Amino acid sequence: MLKQRRQAAETVAEALFAAEKAIDAAIASTAALAGLMPTTRQQANLSALIGQDAIMSTINTMQALGAARENIVTTHKHLSVAQHDIGLSAVSFEDDGFGEAPRKPEGMAAKPGGRLTIAA
């Protein structure tokens, strides 16, 4: 039974990592496109009006990809909980490009009931 759970978790992990990489690649490609359009327009001595709709569409795409990345990271967190729930907490899956969130330095953790202070 443990072998079946581990195999199932590995299958899901591989698909998750592929989805994470695909979203990151789409973000990088779209960002390159967004940067290229105004540069090539200027090099061609074209009016700023040319391609404005295309640039806005690309910016909207970046926003959607940002939301997709946030959602896949949330999915990753939920699957980490599920991994624990099925007794595979000690198992580490390869190619996890996200890993754990960085830990705060000692003394930086939020204290229950604490107040925000302004540093001058």
PDB file of N, CA and C in Angstrom:
ATOM      1  N   MET A   1       0.820  -1.189   0.000  1.00  0.00           N
ATOM      2  CA  MET A   1       0.000   0.000   0.000  1.00  0.00           C
ATOM      3  C   MET A   1       0.866   1.255   0.000  1.00  0.00           C
ATOM      4  N   LEU A   2       1.939   1.279   0.782  1.00  0.00           N
ATOM      5  CA  LEU A   2       2.846   2.418   0.802  1.00  0.00           C
ATOM      6  C   LEU A   2       3.475   2.618  -0.574  1.00  0.00           C
ATOM      7  N   LYS A   3       3.814   1.510  -1.227  1.00  0.00           N
ATOM      8  CA  LYS A   3       4.408   1.597  -2.562  1.00  0.00           C
ATOM      9  C   LYS A   3       3.427   2.248  -3.545  1.00  0.00           C
ATOM     10  N   GLN A   4       2.153   1.900  -3.452  1.00  0.00           N
ATOM     11  CA  GLN A   4       1.137   2.477  -4.337  1.00  0.00           C
ATOM     12  C   GLN A   4       0.949   3.967  -4.064  1.00  0.00           C
ATOM     13  N   ARG A   5       0.948   4.347  -2.783  1.00  0.00           N
ATOM     14  CA  ARG A   5       0.802   5.765  -2.436  1.00  0.00           C
ATOM     15  C   ARG A   5       1.991   6.563  -2.937  1.00  0.00           C
ATOM     16  N   ARG A   6       3.188   5.989  -2.754  1.00  0.00           N
ATOM     17  CA  ARG A   6       4.391   6.681  -3.210  1.00  0.00           C
ATOM     18  C   ARG A   6       4.391   6.836  -4.730  1.00  0.00           C
ATOM     19  N   GLN A   7       4.006   5.788  -5.451  1.00  0.00           N
ATOM     20  CA  GLN A   7       3.957   5.856  -6.916  1.00  0.00           C
ATOM     21  C   GLN A   7       2.949   6.902  -7.373  1.00  0.00           C
ATOM     22  N   ALA A   8       1.789   6.927  -6.737  1.00  0.00           N
ATOM     23  CA  ALA A   8       0.763   7.916  -7.076  1.00  0.00           C
ATOM     24  C   ALA A   8       1.286   9.331  -6.815  1.00  0.00           C
ATOM     25  N   ALA A   9       1.944   9.515  -5.687  1.00  0.00           N
ATOM     26  CA  ALA A   9       2.493  10.826  -5.343  1.00  0.00           C
ATOM     27  C   ALA A   9       3.577  11.245  -6.335  1.00  0.00           C
ATOM     28  N   GLU A  10       4.413  10.305  -6.758  1.00  0.00           N
ATOM     29  CA  GLU A  10       5.459  10.617  -7.738  1.00  0.00           C
ATOM     30  C   GLU A  10       4.847  11.035  -9.080  1.00  0.00           C
ATOM     31  N   THR A  11       3.800  10.346  -9.491  1.00  0.00           N
ATOM     32  CA  THR A  11       3.124  10.678 -10.752  1.00  0.00           C
ATOM     33  C   THR A  11       2.549  12.091 -10.699  1.00  0.00           C
ATOM     34  N   VAL A  12       1.889  12.403  -9.603  1.00  0.00           N
ATOM     35  CA  VAL A  12       1.306  13.737  -9.440  1.00  0.00           C
ATOM     36  C   VAL A  12       2.410  14.787  -9.340  1.00  0.00           C
ATOM     37  N   ALA A  13       3.484  14.483  -8.611  1.00  0.00           N
ATOM     38  CA  ALA A  13       4.592  15.434  -8.463  1.00  0.00           C
ATOM     39  C   ALA A  13       5.226  15.758  -9.815  1.00  0.00           C
ATOM     40  N   GLU A  14       5.428  14.753 -10.647  1.00  0.00           N
ATOM     41  CA  GLU A  14       6.004  14.985 -11.970  1.00  0.00           C
ATOM     42  C   GLU A  14       5.114  15.917 -12.797  1.00  0.00           C
ATOM     43  N   ALA A  15       3.816  15.691 -12.746  1.00  0.00           N
ATOM     44  CA  ALA A  15       2.884  16.546 -13.483  1.00  0.00           C
ATOM     45  C   ALA A  15       2.880  17.968 -12.918  1.00  0.00           C
ATOM     46  N   LEU A  16       2.949  18.077 -11.596  1.00  0.00           N
ATOM     47  CA  LEU A  16       2.993  19.388 -10.957  1.00  0.00           C
ATOM     48  C   LEU A  16       4.244  20.146 -11.380  1.00  0.00           C
ATOM     49  N   PHE A  17       5.408  19.492 -11.319  1.00  0.00           N
ATOM     50  CA  PHE A  17       6.656  20.157 -11.679  1.00  0.00           C
ATOM     51  C   PHE A  17       6.647  20.585 -13.143  1.00  0.00           C
ATOM     52  N   ALA A  18       6.058  19.764 -14.005  1.00  0.00           N
ATOM     53  CA  ALA A  18       5.957  20.117 -15.426  1.00  0.00           C
ATOM     54  C   ALA A  18       5.066  21.349 -15.608  1.00  0.00           C
ATOM     55  N   ALA A  19       3.964  21.404 -14.882  1.00  0.00           N
ATOM     56  CA  ALA A  19       3.065  22.552 -14.967  1.00  0.00           C
ATOM     57  C   ALA A  19       3.749  23.816 -14.458  1.00  0.00           C
ATOM     58  N   GLU A  20       4.476  23.708 -13.349  1.00  0.00           N
ATOM     59  CA  GLU A  20       5.188  24.862 -12.798  1.00  0.00           C
ATOM     60  C   GLU A  20       6.210  25.390 -13.805  1.00  0.00           C
ATOM     61  N   LYS A  21       6.965  24.473 -14.405  1.00  0.00           N
ATOM     62  CA  LYS A  21       7.977  24.880 -15.388  1.00  0.00           C
ATOM     63  C   LYS A  21       7.343  25.515 -16.616  1.00  0.00           C
ATOM     64  N   ALA A  22       6.230  24.962 -17.061  1.00  0.00           N
ATOM     65  CA  ALA A  22       5.550  25.499 -18.241  1.00  0.00           C
ATOM     66  C   ALA A  22       5.049  26.918 -17.987  1.00  0.00           C
ATOM     67  N   ILE A  23       4.494  27.151 -16.814  1.00  0.00           N
ATOM     68  CA  ILE A  23       4.005  28.487 -16.483  1.00  0.00           C
ATOM     69  C   ILE A  23       5.175  29.458 -16.404  1.00  0.00           C
ATOM     70  N   ASP A  24       6.270  29.062 -15.756  1.00  0.00           N
ATOM     71  CA  ASP A  24       7.439  29.934 -15.678  1.00  0.00           C
ATOM     72  C   ASP A  24       8.000  30.235 -17.065  1.00  0.00           C
ATOM     73  N   ALA A  25       8.026  29.236 -17.941  1.00  0.00           N
ATOM     74  CA  ALA A  25       8.519  29.445 -19.304  1.00  0.00           C
ATOM     75  C   ALA A  25       7.600  30.403 -20.062  1.00  0.00           C
ATOM     76  N   ALA A  26       6.292  30.260 -19.870  1.00  0.00           N
ATOM     77  CA  ALA A  26       5.340  31.156 -20.529  1.00  0.00           C
ATOM     78  C   ALA A  26       5.511  32.587 -20.029  1.00  0.00           C
ATOM     79  N   ILE A  27       5.758  32.750 -18.747  1.00  0.00           N
ATOM     80  CA  ILE A  27       5.995  34.087 -18.194  1.00  0.00           C
ATOM     81  C   ILE A  27       7.247  34.688 -18.825  1.00  0.00           C
ATOM     82  N   ALA A  28       8.324  33.917 -18.887  1.00  0.00           N
ATOM     83  CA  ALA A  28       9.578  34.417 -19.454  1.00  0.00           C
ATOM     84  C   ALA A  28       9.413  34.775 -20.932  1.00  0.00           C
ATOM     85  N   SER A  29       8.752  33.925 -21.686  1.00  0.00           N
ATOM     86  CA  SER A  29       8.550  34.187 -23.122  1.00  0.00           C
ATOM     87  C   SER A  29       7.680  35.415 -23.351  1.00  0.00           C
ATOM     88  N   THR A  30       6.634  35.531 -22.564  1.00  0.00           N
ATOM     89  CA  THR A  30       5.723  36.664 -22.720  1.00  0.00           C
ATOM     90  C   THR A  30       6.396  37.965 -22.294  1.00  0.00           C
ATOM     91  N   ALA A  31       7.207  37.903 -21.258  1.00  0.00           N
ATOM     92  CA  ALA A  31       7.952  39.090 -20.832  1.00  0.00           C
ATOM     93  C   ALA A  31       8.930  39.527 -21.921  1.00  0.00           C
ATOM     94  N   ALA A  32       9.580  38.560 -22.560  1.00  0.00           N
ATOM     95  CA  ALA A  32      10.495  38.888 -23.660  1.00  0.00           C
ATOM     96  C   ALA A  32       9.741  39.559 -24.802  1.00  0.00           C
ATOM     97  N   LEU A  33       8.565  39.044 -25.121  1.00  0.00           N
ATOM     98  CA  LEU A  33       7.736  39.641 -26.165  1.00  0.00           C
ATOM     99  C   LEU A  33       7.336  41.062 -25.789  1.00  0.00           C
ATOM    100  N   ALA A  34       6.918  41.248 -24.546  1.00  0.00           N
ATOM    101  CA  ALA A  34       6.492  42.571 -24.084  1.00  0.00           C
ATOM    102  C   ALA A  34       7.639  43.575 -24.178  1.00  0.00           C
ATOM    103  N   GLY A  35       8.845  43.139 -23.903  1.00  0.00           N
ATOM    104  CA  GLY A  35       9.999  44.028 -24.011  1.00  0.00           C
ATOM    105  C   GLY A  35      10.431  44.274 -25.440  1.00  0.00           C
ATOM    106  N   LEU A  36      10.220  43.312 -26.286  1.00  0.00           N
ATOM    107  CA  LEU A  36      10.646  43.399 -27.681  1.00  0.00           C
ATOM    108  C   LEU A  36       9.776  44.343 -28.508  1.00  0.00           C
ATOM    109  N   MET A  37       8.489  44.340 -28.256  1.00  0.00           N
ATOM    110  CA  MET A  37       7.576  45.130 -29.090  1.00  0.00           C
ATOM    111  C   MET A  37       7.884  46.630 -29.083  1.00  0.00           C
ATOM    112  N   PRO A  38       8.033  47.281 -27.939  1.00  0.00           N
ATOM    113  CA  PRO A  38       8.321  48.719 -27.996  1.00  0.00           C
ATOM    114  C   PRO A  38       9.718  49.016 -28.570  1.00  0.00           C
ATOM    115  N   THR A  39      10.655  48.139 -28.299  1.00  0.00           N
ATOM    116  CA  THR A  39      12.010  48.341 -28.808  1.00  0.00           C
ATOM    117  C   THR A  39      12.045  48.279 -30.329  1.00  0.00           C
ATOM    118  N   THR A  40      11.411  47.264 -30.889  1.00  0.00           N
ATOM    119  CA  THR A  40      11.414  47.136 -32.350  1.00  0.00           C
ATOM    120  C   THR A  40      10.579  48.235 -32.997  1.00  0.00           C
ATOM    121  N   ARG A  41       9.510  48.659 -32.341  1.00  0.00           N
ATOM    122  CA  ARG A  41       8.715  49.769 -32.861  1.00  0.00           C
ATOM    123  C   ARG A  41       9.561  51.033 -32.944  1.00  0.00           C
ATOM    124  N   GLN A  42      10.319  51.311 -31.886  1.00  0.00           N
ATOM    125  CA  GLN A  42      11.178  52.497 -31.874  1.00  0.00           C
ATOM    126  C   GLN A  42      12.283  52.397 -32.920  1.00  0.00           C
ATOM    127  N   GLN A  43      12.877  51.213 -33.058  1.00  0.00           N
ATOM    128  CA  GLN A  43      13.934  51.025 -34.057  1.00  0.00           C
ATOM    129  C   GLN A  43      13.412  51.232 -35.474  1.00  0.00           C
ATOM    130  N   ALA A  44      12.142  50.936 -35.690  1.00  0.00           N
ATOM    131  CA  ALA A  44      11.530  51.107 -37.009  1.00  0.00           C
ATOM    132  C   ALA A  44      10.974  52.526 -37.188  1.00  0.00           C
ATOM    133  N   ASN A  45      11.183  53.386 -36.185  1.00  0.00           N
ATOM    134  CA  ASN A  45      10.702  54.769 -36.229  1.00  0.00           C
ATOM    135  C   ASN A  45       9.194  54.858 -36.468  1.00  0.00           C
ATOM    136  N   LEU A  46       8.456  54.018 -35.762  1.00  0.00           N
ATOM    137  CA  LEU A  46       7.003  54.017 -35.884  1.00  0.00           C
ATOM    138  C   LEU A  46       6.383  54.774 -34.714  1.00  0.00           C
ATOM    139  N   SER A  47       5.197  55.275 -34.924  1.00  0.00           N
ATOM    140  CA  SER A  47       4.456  56.000 -33.902  1.00  0.00           C
ATOM    141  C   SER A  47       4.165  55.092 -32.709  1.00  0.00           C
ATOM    142  N   ALA A  48       4.061  55.708 -31.541  1.00  0.00           N
ATOM    143  CA  ALA A  48       3.711  54.966 -30.331  1.00  0.00           C
ATOM    144  C   ALA A  48       2.302  54.371 -30.429  1.00  0.00           C
ATOM    145  N   LEU A  49       1.499  54.889 -31.329  1.00  0.00           N
ATOM    146  CA  LEU A  49       0.146  54.367 -31.516  1.00  0.00           C
ATOM    147  C   LEU A  49       0.160  52.985 -32.157  1.00  0.00           C
ATOM    148  N   ILE A  50       1.218  52.699 -32.892  1.00  0.00           N
ATOM    149  CA  ILE A  50       1.316  51.413 -33.583  1.00  0.00           C
ATOM    150  C   ILE A  50       1.582  50.305 -32.568  1.00  0.00           C
ATOM    151  N   GLY A  51       0.737  49.327 -32.564  1.00  0.00           N
ATOM    152  CA  GLY A  51       0.943  48.162 -31.702  1.00  0.00           C
ATOM    153  C   GLY A  51       0.504  48.333 -30.259  1.00  0.00           C
ATOM    154  N   GLN A  52      -0.131  49.456 -29.938  1.00  0.00           N
ATOM    155  CA  GLN A  52      -0.555  49.691 -28.552  1.00  0.00           C
ATOM    156  C   GLN A  52      -1.501  48.598 -28.062  1.00  0.00           C
ATOM    157  N   ASP A  53      -2.444  48.199 -28.885  1.00  0.00           N
ATOM    158  CA  ASP A  53      -3.385  47.143 -28.498  1.00  0.00           C
ATOM    159  C   ASP A  53      -2.656  45.825 -28.242  1.00  0.00           C
ATOM    160  N   ALA A  54      -1.647  45.548 -29.062  1.00  0.00           N
ATOM    161  CA  ALA A  54      -0.876  44.314 -28.888  1.00  0.00           C
ATOM    162  C   ALA A  54      -0.090  44.349 -27.580  1.00  0.00           C
ATOM    163  N   ILE A  55       0.478  45.486 -27.254  1.00  0.00           N
ATOM    164  CA  ILE A  55       1.233  45.611 -25.997  1.00  0.00           C
ATOM    165  C   ILE A  55       0.289  45.427 -24.805  1.00  0.00           C
ATOM    166  N   MET A  56      -0.888  46.047 -24.876  1.00  0.00           N
ATOM    167  CA  MET A  56      -1.849  45.898 -23.775  1.00  0.00           C
ATOM    168  C   MET A  56      -2.305  44.452 -23.640  1.00  0.00           C
ATOM    169  N   SER A  57      -2.493  43.769 -24.755  1.00  0.00           N
ATOM    170  CA  SER A  57      -2.874  42.358 -24.690  1.00  0.00           C
ATOM    171  C   SER A  57      -1.774  41.526 -24.043  1.00  0.00           C
ATOM    172  N   THR A  58      -0.540  41.860 -24.354  1.00  0.00           N
ATOM    173  CA  THR A  58       0.588  41.137 -23.766  1.00  0.00           C
ATOM    174  C   THR A  58       0.666  41.390 -22.260  1.00  0.00           C
ATOM    175  N   ILE A  59       0.434  42.627 -21.870  1.00  0.00           N
ATOM    176  CA  ILE A  59       0.430  42.961 -20.435  1.00  0.00           C
ATOM    177  C   ILE A  59      -0.692  42.206 -19.720  1.00  0.00           C
ATOM    178  N   ASN A  60      -1.860  42.133 -20.344  1.00  0.00           N
ATOM    179  CA  ASN A  60      -2.979  41.364 -19.760  1.00  0.00           C
ATOM    180  C   ASN A  60      -2.626  39.887 -19.652  1.00  0.00           C
ATOM    181  N   THR A  61      -1.919  39.384 -20.650  1.00  0.00           N
ATOM    182  CA  THR A  61      -1.470  37.994 -20.611  1.00  0.00           C
ATOM    183  C   THR A  61      -0.518  37.779 -19.441  1.00  0.00           C
ATOM    184  N   MET A  62       0.386  38.726 -19.213  1.00  0.00           N
ATOM    185  CA  MET A  62       1.321  38.618 -18.080  1.00  0.00           C
ATOM    186  C   MET A  62       0.564  38.561 -16.755  1.00  0.00           C
ATOM    187  N   GLN A  63      -0.489  39.379 -16.647  1.00  0.00           N
ATOM    188  CA  GLN A  63      -1.292  39.352 -15.421  1.00  0.00           C
ATOM    189  C   GLN A  63      -1.963  37.993 -15.241  1.00  0.00           C
ATOM    190  N   ALA A  64      -2.481  37.448 -16.312  1.00  0.00           N
ATOM    191  CA  ALA A  64      -3.126  36.131 -16.232  1.00  0.00           C
ATOM    192  C   ALA A  64      -2.106  35.049 -15.883  1.00  0.00           C
ATOM    193  N   LEU A  65      -0.918  35.142 -16.455  1.00  0.00           N
ATOM    194  CA  LEU A  65       0.125  34.164 -16.135  1.00  0.00           C
ATOM    195  C   LEU A  65       0.590  34.297 -14.683  1.00  0.00           C
ATOM    196  N   GLY A  66       0.623  35.529 -14.188  1.00  0.00           N
ATOM    197  CA  GLY A  66       0.955  35.734 -12.774  1.00  0.00           C
ATOM    198  C   GLY A  66      -0.071  35.071 -11.872  1.00  0.00           C
ATOM    199  N   ALA A  67      -1.343  35.200 -12.235  1.00  0.00           N
ATOM    200  CA  ALA A  67      -2.409  34.543 -11.468  1.00  0.00           C
ATOM    201  C   ALA A  67      -2.288  33.022 -11.575  1.00  0.00           C
ATOM    202  N   ALA A  68      -1.954  32.544 -12.773  1.00  0.00           N
ATOM    203  CA  ALA A  68      -1.776  31.095 -12.954  1.00  0.00           C
ATOM    204  C   ALA A  68      -0.633  30.587 -12.091  1.00  0.00           C
ATOM    205  N   ARG A  69       0.462  31.352 -12.023  1.00  0.00           N
ATOM    206  CA  ARG A  69       1.602  30.934 -11.199  1.00  0.00           C
ATOM    207  C   ARG A  69       1.208  30.911  -9.727  1.00  0.00           C
ATOM    208  N   GLU A  70       0.490  31.933  -9.299  1.00  0.00           N
ATOM    209  CA  GLU A  70       0.035  31.961  -7.904  1.00  0.00           C
ATOM    210  C   GLU A  70      -0.840  30.750  -7.598  1.00  0.00           C
ATOM    211  N   ASN A  71      -1.706  30.399  -8.536  1.00  0.00           N
ATOM    212  CA  ASN A  71      -2.591  29.250  -8.331  1.00  0.00           C
ATOM    213  C   ASN A  71      -1.826  27.932  -8.323  1.00  0.00           C
ATOM    214  N   ILE A  72      -0.814  27.787  -9.170  1.00  0.00           N
ATOM    215  CA  ILE A  72      -0.057  26.528  -9.183  1.00  0.00           C
ATOM    216  C   ILE A  72       0.787  26.409  -7.907  1.00  0.00           C
ATOM    217  N   VAL A  73       1.258  27.533  -7.390  1.00  0.00           N
ATOM    218  CA  VAL A  73       1.983  27.501  -6.114  1.00  0.00           C
ATOM    219  C   VAL A  73       1.040  27.096  -4.984  1.00  0.00           C
ATOM    220  N   THR A  74      -0.196  27.600  -5.025  1.00  0.00           N
ATOM    221  CA  THR A  74      -1.199  27.197  -4.035  1.00  0.00           C
ATOM    222  C   THR A  74      -1.500  25.711  -4.166  1.00  0.00           C
ATOM    223  N   THR A  75      -1.608  25.238  -5.400  1.00  0.00           N
ATOM    224  CA  THR A  75      -1.806  23.807  -5.632  1.00  0.00           C
ATOM    225  C   THR A  75      -0.667  23.010  -5.026  1.00  0.00           C
ATOM    226  N   HIS A  76       0.564  23.486  -5.226  1.00  0.00           N
ATOM    227  CA  HIS A  76       1.745  22.825  -4.674  1.00  0.00           C
ATOM    228  C   HIS A  76       1.643  22.726  -3.153  1.00  0.00           C
ATOM    229  N   LYS A  77       1.240  23.814  -2.522  1.00  0.00           N
ATOM    230  CA  LYS A  77       1.093  23.806  -1.065  1.00  0.00           C
ATOM    231  C   LYS A  77       0.026  22.812  -0.617  1.00  0.00           C
ATOM    232  N   HIS A  78      -1.099  22.778  -1.329  1.00  0.00           N
ATOM    233  CA  HIS A  78      -2.166  21.828  -0.980  1.00  0.00           C
ATOM    234  C   HIS A  78      -1.695  20.386  -1.164  1.00  0.00           C
ATOM    235  N   LEU A  79      -0.938  20.146  -2.218  1.00  0.00           N
ATOM    236  CA  LEU A  79      -0.432  18.786  -2.434  1.00  0.00           C
ATOM    237  C   LEU A  79       0.597  18.391  -1.375  1.00  0.00           C
ATOM    238  N   SER A  80       1.328  19.371  -0.856  1.00  0.00           N
ATOM    239  CA  SER A  80       2.260  19.083   0.241  1.00  0.00           C
ATOM    240  C   SER A  80       1.498  18.631   1.484  1.00  0.00           C
ATOM    241  N   VAL A  81       0.349  19.242   1.729  1.00  0.00           N
ATOM    242  CA  VAL A  81      -0.508  18.833   2.844  1.00  0.00           C
ATOM    243  C   VAL A  81      -1.022  17.416   2.595  1.00  0.00           C
ATOM    244  N   ALA A  82      -1.474  17.169   1.359  1.00  0.00           N
ATOM    245  CA  ALA A  82      -1.969  15.833   1.018  1.00  0.00           C
ATOM    246  C   ALA A  82      -0.864  14.786   1.172  1.00  0.00           C
ATOM    247  N   GLN A  83       0.351  15.157   0.805  1.00  0.00           N
ATOM    248  CA  GLN A  83       1.500  14.246   0.957  1.00  0.00           C
ATOM    249  C   GLN A  83       1.653  13.843   2.425  1.00  0.00           C
ATOM    250  N   HIS A  84       1.528  14.813   3.296  1.00  0.00           N
ATOM    251  CA  HIS A  84       1.598  14.542   4.737  1.00  0.00           C
ATOM    252  C   HIS A  84       0.417  13.665   5.164  1.00  0.00           C
ATOM    253  N   ASP A  85      -0.762  13.992   4.662  1.00  0.00           N
ATOM    254  CA  ASP A  85      -1.975  13.261   5.044  1.00  0.00           C
ATOM    255  C   ASP A  85      -1.919  11.781   4.682  1.00  0.00           C
ATOM    256  N   ILE A  86      -1.206  11.446   3.613  1.00  0.00           N
ATOM    257  CA  ILE A  86      -1.129  10.029   3.212  1.00  0.00           C
ATOM    258  C   ILE A  86       0.131   9.347   3.739  1.00  0.00           C
ATOM    259  N   GLY A  87       0.810  10.011   4.679  1.00  0.00           N
ATOM    260  CA  GLY A  87       1.935   9.383   5.354  1.00  0.00           C
ATOM    261  C   GLY A  87       3.254   9.430   4.597  1.00  0.00           C
ATOM    262  N   LEU A  88       3.412  10.408   3.704  1.00  0.00           N
ATOM    263  CA  LEU A  88       4.658  10.504   2.938  1.00  0.00           C
ATOM    264  C   LEU A  88       5.435  11.780   3.256  1.00  0.00           C
ATOM    265  N   SER A  89       5.325  12.255   4.484  1.00  0.00           N
ATOM    266  CA  SER A  89       6.003  13.494   4.874  1.00  0.00           C
ATOM    267  C   SER A  89       7.507  13.428   4.687  1.00  0.00           C
ATOM    268  N   ALA A  90       8.086  12.287   4.947  1.00  0.00           N
ATOM    269  CA  ALA A  90       9.539  12.155   4.895  1.00  0.00           C
ATOM    270  C   ALA A  90      10.068  11.982   3.478  1.00  0.00           C
ATOM    271  N   VAL A  91       9.170  11.825   2.502  1.00  0.00           N
ATOM    272  CA  VAL A  91       9.592  11.585   1.120  1.00  0.00           C
ATOM    273  C   VAL A  91       9.836  12.920   0.431  1.00  0.00           C
ATOM    274  N   SER A  92      10.986  13.013  -0.236  1.00  0.00           N
ATOM    275  CA  SER A  92      11.307  14.207  -1.003  1.00  0.00           C
ATOM    276  C   SER A  92      11.283  13.835  -2.480  1.00  0.00           C
ATOM    277  N   PHE A  93      10.546  14.598  -3.252  1.00  0.00           N
ATOM    278  CA  PHE A  93      10.451  14.320  -4.673  1.00  0.00           C
ATOM    279  C   PHE A  93      11.466  15.173  -5.422  1.00  0.00           C
ATOM    280  N   GLU A  94      12.088  14.605  -6.442  1.00  0.00           N
ATOM    281  CA  GLU A  94      13.109  15.305  -7.210  1.00  0.00           C
ATOM    282  C   GLU A  94      12.500  16.411  -8.052  1.00  0.00           C
ATOM    283  N   ASP A  95      13.364  17.342  -8.465  1.00  0.00           N
ATOM    284  CA  ASP A  95      13.012  18.390  -9.412  1.00  0.00           C
ATOM    285  C   ASP A  95      11.986  19.358  -8.851  1.00  0.00           C
ATOM    286  N   ASP A  96      11.962  19.531  -7.551  1.00  0.00           N
ATOM    287  CA  ASP A  96      11.043  20.484  -6.950  1.00  0.00           C
ATOM    288  C   ASP A  96      11.699  21.860  -6.987  1.00  0.00           C
ATOM    289  N   GLY A  97      11.473  22.583  -8.055  1.00  0.00           N
ATOM    290  CA  GLY A  97      12.095  23.888  -8.240  1.00  0.00           C
ATOM    291  C   GLY A  97      11.595  24.950  -7.285  1.00  0.00           C
ATOM    292  N   PHE A  98      10.446  24.707  -6.650  1.00  0.00           N
ATOM    293  CA  PHE A  98       9.915  25.709  -5.743  1.00  0.00           C
ATOM    294  C   PHE A  98      10.472  25.552  -4.334  1.00  0.00           C
ATOM    295  N   GLY A  99      10.567  24.333  -3.856  1.00  0.00           N
ATOM    296  CA  GLY A  99      11.089  24.120  -2.517  1.00  0.00           C
ATOM    297  C   GLY A  99      10.242  24.815  -1.470  1.00  0.00           C
ATOM    298  N   GLU A 100      10.826  24.977  -0.319  1.00  0.00           N
ATOM    299  CA  GLU A 100      10.120  25.637   0.766  1.00  0.00           C
ATOM    300  C   GLU A 100      10.370  27.135   0.705  1.00  0.00           C
ATOM    301  N   ALA A 101       9.446  27.868   1.269  1.00  0.00           N
ATOM    302  CA  ALA A 101       9.630  29.314   1.361  1.00  0.00           C
ATOM    303  C   ALA A 101      10.802  29.602   2.281  1.00  0.00           C
ATOM    304  N   PRO A 102      11.564  30.663   1.994  1.00  0.00           N
ATOM    305  CA  PRO A 102      12.687  30.990   2.865  1.00  0.00           C
ATOM    306  C   PRO A 102      12.204  31.282   4.276  1.00  0.00           C
ATOM    307  N   ARG A 103      12.986  30.883   5.224  1.00  0.00           N
ATOM    308  CA  ARG A 103      12.631  31.111   6.628  1.00  0.00           C
ATOM    309  C   ARG A 103      13.099  32.503   7.054  1.00  0.00           C
ATOM    310  N   LYS A 104      12.326  33.115   7.950  1.00  0.00           N
ATOM    311  CA  LYS A 104      12.700  34.420   8.468  1.00  0.00           C
ATOM    312  C   LYS A 104      13.869  34.253   9.434  1.00  0.00           C
ATOM    313  N   PRO A 105      14.764  35.233   9.480  1.00  0.00           N
ATOM    314  CA  PRO A 105      15.862  35.167  10.445  1.00  0.00           C
ATOM    315  C   PRO A 105      15.331  35.153  11.874  1.00  0.00           C
ATOM    316  N   GLU A 106      16.123  34.619  12.786  1.00  0.00           N
ATOM    317  CA  GLU A 106      15.730  34.569  14.196  1.00  0.00           C
ATOM    318  C   GLU A 106      15.316  35.956  14.664  1.00  0.00           C
ATOM    319  N   GLY A 107      14.279  36.007  15.459  1.00  0.00           N
ATOM    320  CA  GLY A 107      13.818  37.278  16.003  1.00  0.00           C
ATOM    321  C   GLY A 107      12.891  38.033  15.062  1.00  0.00           C
ATOM    322  N   MET A 108      12.684  37.529  13.854  1.00  0.00           N
ATOM    323  CA  MET A 108      11.845  38.222  12.882  1.00  0.00           C
ATOM    324  C   MET A 108      10.440  37.632  12.820  1.00  0.00           C
ATOM    325  N   ALA A 109      10.225  36.516  13.488  1.00  0.00           N
ATOM    326  CA  ALA A 109       8.918  35.864  13.432  1.00  0.00           C
ATOM    327  C   ALA A 109       7.869  36.743  14.110  1.00  0.00           C
ATOM    328  N   ALA A 110       6.678  36.718  13.574  1.00  0.00           N
ATOM    329  CA  ALA A 110       5.581  37.490  14.151  1.00  0.00           C
ATOM    330  C   ALA A 110       5.214  36.914  15.509  1.00  0.00           C
ATOM    331  N   LYS A 111       4.933  37.788  16.433  1.00  0.00           N
ATOM    332  CA  LYS A 111       4.545  37.369  17.778  1.00  0.00           C
ATOM    333  C   LYS A 111       3.047  37.562  17.925  1.00  0.00           C
ATOM    334  N   PRO A 112       2.381  36.573  18.509  1.00  0.00           N
ATOM    335  CA  PRO A 112       0.931  36.709  18.684  1.00  0.00           C
ATOM    336  C   PRO A 112       0.605  37.961  19.478  1.00  0.00           C
ATOM    337  N   GLY A 113      -0.342  38.756  18.995  1.00  0.00           N
ATOM    338  CA  GLY A 113      -0.752  39.965  19.696  1.00  0.00           C
ATOM    339  C   GLY A 113       0.267  41.078  19.604  1.00  0.00           C
ATOM    340  N   GLY A 114       1.307  40.876  18.819  1.00  0.00           N
ATOM    341  CA  GLY A 114       2.341  41.911  18.695  1.00  0.00           C
ATOM    342  C   GLY A 114       1.867  43.090  17.874  1.00  0.00           C
ATOM    343  N   ARG A 115       2.571  44.196  17.984  1.00  0.00           N
ATOM    344  CA  ARG A 115       2.223  45.386  17.238  1.00  0.00           C
ATOM    345  C   ARG A 115       3.288  45.678  16.203  1.00  0.00           C
ATOM    346  N   LEU A 116       2.847  46.350  15.160  1.00  0.00           N
ATOM    347  CA  LEU A 116       3.807  46.821  14.167  1.00  0.00           C
ATOM    348  C   LEU A 116       4.506  48.058  14.738  1.00  0.00           C
ATOM    349  N   THR A 117       5.771  48.162  14.483  1.00  0.00           N
ATOM    350  CA  THR A 117       6.494  49.354  14.915  1.00  0.00           C
ATOM    351  C   THR A 117       7.173  49.969  13.708  1.00  0.00           C
ATOM    352  N   ILE A 118       7.403  51.257  13.779  1.00  0.00           N
ATOM    353  CA  ILE A 118       8.055  51.978  12.699  1.00  0.00           C
ATOM    354  C   ILE A 118       9.498  52.192  13.088  1.00  0.00           C
ATOM    355  N   ALA A 119      10.371  51.767  12.195  1.00  0.00           N
ATOM    356  CA  ALA A 119      11.796  51.987  12.439  1.00  0.00           C
ATOM    357  C   ALA A 119      12.192  53.333  11.859  1.00  0.00           C
ATOM    358  N   ALA A 120      12.913  54.106  12.638  1.00  0.00           N
ATOM    359  CA  ALA A 120      13.317  55.434  12.166  1.00  0.00           C
ATOM    360  C   ALA A 120      14.770  55.424  11.768  1.00  0.00           C
TER     361      ALA A 120
END
